[in-house]
Amino acid sequence: MLPKQPGDFRERVERDTIKGRYGVFHETIEMYLYRHWRAFTCPRVAVFWFGSFALMQHSFVAFSKTFPNLLSYGAFSAHP
């Protein structure tokens, strides 16, 4: 294992553990996003954000198809 560089706060994982063997290096979604954001040389971040945007657009379309006449009611709770 190489010595840490200044500013390197990454956790070192032994290869002979399950965590090190299977490459699960993130424990929370924030750490997952942070590690993918730091890997800006790879297209993984762009794929993640594009997929999130596409799923959000799909949810808007599905919602508008489910409630096509929502604007004709005073409130969302007034929809039958």
PDB file of N, CA and C in Angstrom:
ATOM      1  N   MET A   1       0.844  -1.178   0.000  1.00  0.00           N
ATOM      2  CA  MET A   1       0.000   0.000   0.000  1.00  0.00           C
ATOM      3  C   MET A   1       0.889   1.241   0.000  1.00  0.00           C
ATOM      4  N   LEU A   2       0.578   2.147  -0.880  1.00  0.00           N
ATOM      5  CA  LEU A   2       1.366   3.365  -1.003  1.00  0.00           C
ATOM      6  C   LEU A   2       0.985   4.352   0.091  1.00  0.00           C
ATOM      7  N   PRO A   3       1.921   5.222   0.480  1.00  0.00           N
ATOM      8  CA  PRO A   3       1.562   6.238   1.478  1.00  0.00           C
ATOM      9  C   PRO A   3       0.564   7.238   0.892  1.00  0.00           C
ATOM     10  N   LYS A   4      -0.240   7.821   1.765  1.00  0.00           N
ATOM     11  CA  LYS A   4      -1.253   8.777   1.319  1.00  0.00           C
ATOM     12  C   LYS A   4      -0.603  10.097   0.912  1.00  0.00           C
ATOM     13  N   GLN A   5      -1.166  10.702  -0.122  1.00  0.00           N
ATOM     14  CA  GLN A   5      -0.748  12.020  -0.555  1.00  0.00           C
ATOM     15  C   GLN A   5      -1.434  13.065   0.329  1.00  0.00           C
ATOM     16  N   PRO A   6      -0.926  14.286   0.392  1.00  0.00           N
ATOM     17  CA  PRO A   6      -1.618  15.336   1.157  1.00  0.00           C
ATOM     18  C   PRO A   6      -3.003  15.604   0.560  1.00  0.00           C
ATOM     19  N   GLY A   7      -3.999  15.659   1.407  1.00  0.00           N
ATOM     20  CA  GLY A   7      -5.367  15.889   0.944  1.00  0.00           C
ATOM     21  C   GLY A   7      -6.097  14.628   0.554  1.00  0.00           C
ATOM     22  N   ASP A   8      -5.478  13.483   0.681  1.00  0.00           N
ATOM     23  CA  ASP A   8      -6.119  12.221   0.346  1.00  0.00           C
ATOM     24  C   ASP A   8      -6.767  11.661   1.607  1.00  0.00           C
ATOM     25  N   PHE A   9      -8.095  11.722   1.661  1.00  0.00           N
ATOM     26  CA  PHE A   9      -8.819  11.281   2.839  1.00  0.00           C
ATOM     27  C   PHE A   9      -9.558   9.976   2.591  1.00  0.00           C
ATOM     28  N   ARG A  10      -9.180   9.265   1.542  1.00  0.00           N
ATOM     29  CA  ARG A  10      -9.861   8.015   1.227  1.00  0.00           C
ATOM     30  C   ARG A  10      -9.530   6.936   2.240  1.00  0.00           C
ATOM     31  N   GLU A  11     -10.510   6.093   2.465  1.00  0.00           N
ATOM     32  CA  GLU A  11     -10.317   4.972   3.378  1.00  0.00           C
ATOM     33  C   GLU A  11      -9.601   3.855   2.638  1.00  0.00           C
ATOM     34  N   ARG A  12      -8.568   3.320   3.242  1.00  0.00           N
ATOM     35  CA  ARG A  12      -7.835   2.214   2.644  1.00  0.00           C
ATOM     36  C   ARG A  12      -8.518   0.907   3.025  1.00  0.00           C
ATOM     37  N   VAL A  13      -8.700   0.028   2.053  1.00  0.00           N
ATOM     38  CA  VAL A  13      -9.407  -1.231   2.275  1.00  0.00           C
ATOM     39  C   VAL A  13      -8.466  -2.377   1.942  1.00  0.00           C
ATOM     40  N   GLU A  14      -8.364  -3.325   2.834  1.00  0.00           N
ATOM     41  CA  GLU A  14      -7.535  -4.505   2.596  1.00  0.00           C
ATOM     42  C   GLU A  14      -8.169  -5.360   1.504  1.00  0.00           C
ATOM     43  N   ARG A  15      -7.357  -5.929   0.635  1.00  0.00           N
ATOM     44  CA  ARG A  15      -7.864  -6.738  -0.458  1.00  0.00           C
ATOM     45  C   ARG A  15      -8.404  -8.087  -0.001  1.00  0.00           C
ATOM     46  N   ASP A  16      -7.945  -8.576   1.148  1.00  0.00           N
ATOM     47  CA  ASP A  16      -8.381  -9.900   1.570  1.00  0.00           C
ATOM     48  C   ASP A  16      -9.688  -9.871   2.361  1.00  0.00           C
ATOM     49  N   THR A  17     -10.327  -8.705   2.468  1.00  0.00           N
ATOM     50  CA  THR A  17     -11.643  -8.628   3.100  1.00  0.00           C
ATOM     51  C   THR A  17     -12.727  -8.704   2.026  1.00  0.00           C
ATOM     52  N   ILE A  18     -13.937  -8.954   2.455  1.00  0.00           N
ATOM     53  CA  ILE A  18     -15.052  -9.020   1.489  1.00  0.00           C
ATOM     54  C   ILE A  18     -15.268  -7.652   0.850  1.00  0.00           C
ATOM     55  N   LYS A  19     -15.135  -6.609   1.656  1.00  0.00           N
ATOM     56  CA  LYS A  19     -15.308  -5.259   1.128  1.00  0.00           C
ATOM     57  C   LYS A  19     -14.269  -4.954   0.054  1.00  0.00           C
ATOM     58  N   GLY A  20     -13.039  -5.371   0.274  1.00  0.00           N
ATOM     59  CA  GLY A  20     -11.990  -5.130  -0.702  1.00  0.00           C
ATOM     60  C   GLY A  20     -12.051  -6.066  -1.889  1.00  0.00           C
ATOM     61  N   ARG A  21     -12.490  -7.283  -1.669  1.00  0.00           N
ATOM     62  CA  ARG A  21     -12.522  -8.268  -2.747  1.00  0.00           C
ATOM     63  C   ARG A  21     -13.592  -7.947  -3.788  1.00  0.00           C
ATOM     64  N   TYR A  22     -14.760  -7.499  -3.337  1.00  0.00           N
ATOM     65  CA  TYR A  22     -15.860  -7.259  -4.265  1.00  0.00           C
ATOM     66  C   TYR A  22     -16.002  -5.801  -4.668  1.00  0.00           C
ATOM     67  N   GLY A  23     -15.148  -4.951  -4.185  1.00  0.00           N
ATOM     68  CA  GLY A  23     -15.119  -3.568  -4.661  1.00  0.00           C
ATOM     69  C   GLY A  23     -16.263  -2.715  -4.184  1.00  0.00           C
ATOM     70  N   VAL A  24     -16.825  -2.990  -3.028  1.00  0.00           N
ATOM     71  CA  VAL A  24     -17.883  -2.145  -2.480  1.00  0.00           C
ATOM     72  C   VAL A  24     -17.207  -1.097  -1.620  1.00  0.00           C
ATOM     73  N   PHE A  25     -16.923   0.048  -2.204  1.00  0.00           N
ATOM     74  CA  PHE A  25     -16.143   1.064  -1.517  1.00  0.00           C
ATOM     75  C   PHE A  25     -16.988   2.238  -1.045  1.00  0.00           C
ATOM     76  N   HIS A  26     -18.302   2.160  -1.154  1.00  0.00           N
ATOM     77  CA  HIS A  26     -19.147   3.237  -0.667  1.00  0.00           C
ATOM     78  C   HIS A  26     -20.180   2.648   0.288  1.00  0.00           C
ATOM     79  N   GLU A  27     -20.467   3.407   1.320  1.00  0.00           N
ATOM     80  CA  GLU A  27     -21.397   2.949   2.351  1.00  0.00           C
ATOM     81  C   GLU A  27     -22.693   3.734   2.339  1.00  0.00           C
ATOM     82  N   THR A  28     -22.682   4.948   1.797  1.00  0.00           N
ATOM     83  CA  THR A  28     -23.890   5.763   1.710  1.00  0.00           C
ATOM     84  C   THR A  28     -24.036   6.265   0.282  1.00  0.00           C
ATOM     85  N   ILE A  29     -25.227   6.775  -0.053  1.00  0.00           N
ATOM     86  CA  ILE A  29     -25.444   7.310  -1.401  1.00  0.00           C
ATOM     87  C   ILE A  29     -24.614   8.583  -1.604  1.00  0.00           C
ATOM     88  N   GLU A  30     -24.374   9.327  -0.528  1.00  0.00           N
ATOM     89  CA  GLU A  30     -23.540  10.522  -0.648  1.00  0.00           C
ATOM     90  C   GLU A  30     -22.109  10.152  -1.017  1.00  0.00           C
ATOM     91  N   MET A  31     -21.590   9.089  -0.398  1.00  0.00           N
ATOM     92  CA  MET A  31     -20.241   8.648  -0.734  1.00  0.00           C
ATOM     93  C   MET A  31     -20.192   8.103  -2.161  1.00  0.00           C
ATOM     94  N   TYR A  32     -21.266   7.421  -2.590  1.00  0.00           N
ATOM     95  CA  TYR A  32     -21.341   6.913  -3.963  1.00  0.00           C
ATOM     96  C   TYR A  32     -21.298   8.064  -4.961  1.00  0.00           C
ATOM     97  N   LEU A  33     -22.118   9.087  -4.727  1.00  0.00           N
ATOM     98  CA  LEU A  33     -22.137  10.237  -5.638  1.00  0.00           C
ATOM     99  C   LEU A  33     -20.808  10.993  -5.593  1.00  0.00           C
ATOM    100  N   TYR A  34     -20.232  11.121  -4.394  1.00  0.00           N
ATOM    101  CA  TYR A  34     -18.970  11.827  -4.281  1.00  0.00           C
ATOM    102  C   TYR A  34     -17.870  11.102  -5.042  1.00  0.00           C
ATOM    103  N   ARG A  35     -17.793   9.795  -4.899  1.00  0.00           N
ATOM    104  CA  ARG A  35     -16.738   9.041  -5.594  1.00  0.00           C
ATOM    105  C   ARG A  35     -16.940   9.057  -7.104  1.00  0.00           C
ATOM    106  N   HIS A  36     -18.192   9.015  -7.555  1.00  0.00           N
ATOM    107  CA  HIS A  36     -18.419   9.105  -8.989  1.00  0.00           C
ATOM    108  C   HIS A  36     -18.172  10.515  -9.506  1.00  0.00           C
ATOM    109  N   TRP A  37     -18.463  11.514  -8.693  1.00  0.00           N
ATOM    110  CA  TRP A  37     -18.173  12.891  -9.098  1.00  0.00           C
ATOM    111  C   TRP A  37     -16.669  13.120  -9.192  1.00  0.00           C
ATOM    112  N   ARG A  38     -15.901  12.500  -8.287  1.00  0.00           N
ATOM    113  CA  ARG A  38     -14.451  12.643  -8.329  1.00  0.00           C
ATOM    114  C   ARG A  38     -13.842  11.898  -9.509  1.00  0.00           C
ATOM    115  N   ALA A  39     -14.557  10.947 -10.074  1.00  0.00           N
ATOM    116  CA  ALA A  39     -14.053  10.197 -11.225  1.00  0.00           C
ATOM    117  C   ALA A  39     -14.482  10.899 -12.511  1.00  0.00           C
ATOM    118  N   PHE A  40     -14.201  12.179 -12.596  1.00  0.00           N
ATOM    119  CA  PHE A  40     -14.675  12.974 -13.715  1.00  0.00           C
ATOM    120  C   PHE A  40     -14.012  12.618 -15.029  1.00  0.00           C
ATOM    121  N   THR A  41     -12.953  11.811 -15.019  1.00  0.00           N
ATOM    122  CA  THR A  41     -12.342  11.390 -16.273  1.00  0.00           C
ATOM    123  C   THR A  41     -13.157  10.268 -16.927  1.00  0.00           C
ATOM    124  N   CYS A  42     -14.059   9.656 -16.167  1.00  0.00           N
ATOM    125  CA  CYS A  42     -14.883   8.570 -16.686  1.00  0.00           C
ATOM    126  C   CYS A  42     -16.283   9.105 -16.988  1.00  0.00           C
ATOM    127  N   PRO A  43     -16.979   8.502 -17.927  1.00  0.00           N
ATOM    128  CA  PRO A  43     -18.332   8.985 -18.241  1.00  0.00           C
ATOM    129  C   PRO A  43     -19.390   8.503 -17.265  1.00  0.00           C
ATOM    130  N   ARG A  44     -18.984   7.883 -16.153  1.00  0.00           N
ATOM    131  CA  ARG A  44     -19.977   7.355 -15.219  1.00  0.00           C
ATOM    132  C   ARG A  44     -20.846   8.442 -14.623  1.00  0.00           C
ATOM    133  N   VAL A  45     -20.277   9.596 -14.327  1.00  0.00           N
ATOM    134  CA  VAL A  45     -21.055  10.683 -13.738  1.00  0.00           C
ATOM    135  C   VAL A  45     -22.083  11.179 -14.743  1.00  0.00           C
ATOM    136  N   ALA A  46     -21.675  11.344 -15.979  1.00  0.00           N
ATOM    137  CA  ALA A  46     -22.596  11.826 -17.001  1.00  0.00           C
ATOM    138  C   ALA A  46     -23.727  10.833 -17.233  1.00  0.00           C
ATOM    139  N   VAL A  47     -23.415   9.560 -17.226  1.00  0.00           N
ATOM    140  CA  VAL A  47     -24.454   8.539 -17.406  1.00  0.00           C
ATOM    141  C   VAL A  47     -25.434   8.575 -16.244  1.00  0.00           C
ATOM    142  N   PHE A  48     -24.920   8.731 -15.021  1.00  0.00           N
ATOM    143  CA  PHE A  48     -25.800   8.790 -13.851  1.00  0.00           C
ATOM    144  C   PHE A  48     -26.730  10.000 -13.921  1.00  0.00           C
ATOM    145  N   TRP A  49     -26.178  11.181 -14.200  1.00  0.00           N
ATOM    146  CA  TRP A  49     -27.011  12.382 -14.224  1.00  0.00           C
ATOM    147  C   TRP A  49     -27.970  12.361 -15.404  1.00  0.00           C
ATOM    148  N   PHE A  50     -27.541  11.845 -16.558  1.00  0.00           N
ATOM    149  CA  PHE A  50     -28.453  11.739 -17.691  1.00  0.00           C
ATOM    150  C   PHE A  50     -29.581  10.765 -17.389  1.00  0.00           C
ATOM    151  N   GLY A  51     -29.261   9.638 -16.747  1.00  0.00           N
ATOM    152  CA  GLY A  51     -30.298   8.679 -16.372  1.00  0.00           C
ATOM    153  C   GLY A  51     -31.271   9.263 -15.370  1.00  0.00           C
ATOM    154  N   SER A  52     -30.777  10.028 -14.409  1.00  0.00           N
ATOM    155  CA  SER A  52     -31.658  10.678 -13.440  1.00  0.00           C
ATOM    156  C   SER A  52     -32.588  11.669 -14.127  1.00  0.00           C
ATOM    157  N   PHE A  53     -32.028  12.443 -15.051  1.00  0.00           N
ATOM    158  CA  PHE A  53     -32.851  13.411 -15.789  1.00  0.00           C
ATOM    159  C   PHE A  53     -33.897  12.707 -16.640  1.00  0.00           C
ATOM    160  N   ALA A  54     -33.519  11.630 -17.307  1.00  0.00           N
ATOM    161  CA  ALA A  54     -34.457  10.895 -18.152  1.00  0.00           C
ATOM    162  C   ALA A  54     -35.580  10.274 -17.317  1.00  0.00           C
ATOM    163  N   LEU A  55     -35.244   9.708 -16.168  1.00  0.00           N
ATOM    164  CA  LEU A  55     -36.285   9.142 -15.302  1.00  0.00           C
ATOM    165  C   LEU A  55     -37.210  10.225 -14.746  1.00  0.00           C
ATOM    166  N   MET A  56     -36.671  11.399 -14.465  1.00  0.00           N
ATOM    167  CA  MET A  56     -37.515  12.498 -13.992  1.00  0.00           C
ATOM    168  C   MET A  56     -38.485  12.935 -15.089  1.00  0.00           C
ATOM    169  N   GLN A  57     -37.985  13.055 -16.324  1.00  0.00           N
ATOM    170  CA  GLN A  57     -38.860  13.428 -17.434  1.00  0.00           C
ATOM    171  C   GLN A  57     -39.937  12.369 -17.663  1.00  0.00           C
ATOM    172  N   HIS A  58     -39.550  11.107 -17.536  1.00  0.00           N
ATOM    173  CA  HIS A  58     -40.512  10.023 -17.702  1.00  0.00           C
ATOM    174  C   HIS A  58     -41.597  10.091 -16.628  1.00  0.00           C
ATOM    175  N   SER A  59     -41.222  10.433 -15.412  1.00  0.00           N
ATOM    176  CA  SER A  59     -42.222  10.543 -14.345  1.00  0.00           C
ATOM    177  C   SER A  59     -43.179  11.706 -14.603  1.00  0.00           C
ATOM    178  N   PHE A  60     -42.679  12.817 -15.156  1.00  0.00           N
ATOM    179  CA  PHE A  60     -43.562  13.930 -15.500  1.00  0.00           C
ATOM    180  C   PHE A  60     -44.567  13.532 -16.574  1.00  0.00           C
ATOM    181  N   VAL A  61     -44.101  12.811 -17.577  1.00  0.00           N
ATOM    182  CA  VAL A  61     -45.000  12.371 -18.656  1.00  0.00           C
ATOM    183  C   VAL A  61     -46.024  11.375 -18.130  1.00  0.00           C
ATOM    184  N   ALA A  62     -45.591  10.441 -17.292  1.00  0.00           N
ATOM    185  CA  ALA A  62     -46.521   9.461 -16.731  1.00  0.00           C
ATOM    186  C   ALA A  62     -47.557  10.149 -15.841  1.00  0.00           C
ATOM    187  N   PHE A  63     -47.142  11.148 -15.079  1.00  0.00           N
ATOM    188  CA  PHE A  63     -48.080  11.874 -14.227  1.00  0.00           C
ATOM    189  C   PHE A  63     -49.092  12.643 -15.065  1.00  0.00           C
ATOM    190  N   SER A  64     -48.629  13.285 -16.136  1.00  0.00           N
ATOM    191  CA  SER A  64     -49.561  14.052 -16.977  1.00  0.00           C
ATOM    192  C   SER A  64     -50.514  13.145 -17.747  1.00  0.00           C
ATOM    193  N   LYS A  65     -50.085  11.927 -18.073  1.00  0.00           N
ATOM    194  CA  LYS A  65     -50.997  10.981 -18.725  1.00  0.00           C
ATOM    195  C   LYS A  65     -51.992  10.395 -17.732  1.00  0.00           C
ATOM    196  N   THR A  66     -51.591  10.245 -16.479  1.00  0.00           N
ATOM    197  CA  THR A  66     -52.496   9.715 -15.454  1.00  0.00           C
ATOM    198  C   THR A  66     -53.566  10.735 -15.093  1.00  0.00           C
ATOM    199  N   PHE A  67     -53.188  12.006 -15.001  1.00  0.00           N
ATOM    200  CA  PHE A  67     -54.120  13.072 -14.662  1.00  0.00           C
ATOM    201  C   PHE A  67     -54.158  14.088 -15.809  1.00  0.00           C
ATOM    202  N   PRO A  68     -54.840  13.776 -16.925  1.00  0.00           N
ATOM    203  CA  PRO A  68     -54.794  14.677 -18.084  1.00  0.00           C
ATOM    204  C   PRO A  68     -55.558  15.983 -17.878  1.00  0.00           C
ATOM    205  N   ASN A  69     -56.597  15.980 -17.066  1.00  0.00           N
ATOM    206  CA  ASN A  69     -57.409  17.190 -16.891  1.00  0.00           C
ATOM    207  C   ASN A  69     -57.219  17.798 -15.506  1.00  0.00           C
ATOM    208  N   LEU A  70     -56.030  17.768 -14.998  1.00  0.00           N
ATOM    209  CA  LEU A  70     -55.761  18.239 -13.642  1.00  0.00           C
ATOM    210  C   LEU A  70     -55.970  19.747 -13.505  1.00  0.00           C
ATOM    211  N   LEU A  71     -55.726  20.499 -14.563  1.00  0.00           N
ATOM    212  CA  LEU A  71     -55.873  21.956 -14.484  1.00  0.00           C
ATOM    213  C   LEU A  71     -57.321  22.400 -14.388  1.00  0.00           C
ATOM    214  N   SER A  72     -58.261  21.525 -14.754  1.00  0.00           N
ATOM    215  CA  SER A  72     -59.672  21.908 -14.689  1.00  0.00           C
ATOM    216  C   SER A  72     -60.228  21.830 -13.275  1.00  0.00           C
ATOM    217  N   TYR A  73     -59.467  21.278 -12.330  1.00  0.00           N
ATOM    218  CA  TYR A  73     -59.898  21.203 -10.940  1.00  0.00           C
ATOM    219  C   TYR A  73     -59.187  22.250 -10.109  1.00  0.00           C
ATOM    220  N   GLY A  74     -59.818  22.649  -9.025  1.00  0.00           N
ATOM    221  CA  GLY A  74     -59.243  23.696  -8.174  1.00  0.00           C
ATOM    222  C   GLY A  74     -57.995  23.242  -7.442  1.00  0.00           C
ATOM    223  N   ALA A  75     -57.940  21.990  -7.028  1.00  0.00           N
ATOM    224  CA  ALA A  75     -56.801  21.480  -6.280  1.00  0.00           C
ATOM    225  C   ALA A  75     -56.578  20.020  -6.677  1.00  0.00           C
ATOM    226  N   PHE A  76     -55.410  19.520  -6.371  1.00  0.00           N
ATOM    227  CA  PHE A  76     -55.110  18.122  -6.695  1.00  0.00           C
ATOM    228  C   PHE A  76     -56.006  17.182  -5.917  1.00  0.00           C
ATOM    229  N   SER A  77     -56.341  17.534  -4.675  1.00  0.00           N
ATOM    230  CA  SER A  77     -57.196  16.685  -3.857  1.00  0.00           C
ATOM    231  C   SER A  77     -58.640  16.656  -4.347  1.00  0.00           C
ATOM    232  N   ALA A  78     -59.028  17.620  -5.185  1.00  0.00           N
ATOM    233  CA  ALA A  78     -60.391  17.651  -5.726  1.00  0.00           C
ATOM    234  C   ALA A  78     -60.546  16.751  -6.940  1.00  0.00           C
ATOM    235  N   HIS A  79     -59.470  16.158  -7.422  1.00  0.00           N
ATOM    236  CA  HIS A  79     -59.543  15.263  -8.581  1.00  0.00           C
ATOM    237  C   HIS A  79     -60.244  13.973  -8.176  1.00  0.00           C
ATOM    238  N   PRO A  80     -61.193  13.500  -8.998  1.00  0.00           N
ATOM    239  CA  PRO A  80     -61.950  12.297  -8.603  1.00  0.00           C
ATOM    240  C   PRO A  80     -61.124  11.023  -8.612  1.00  0.00           C
TER     241      PRO A  80
END
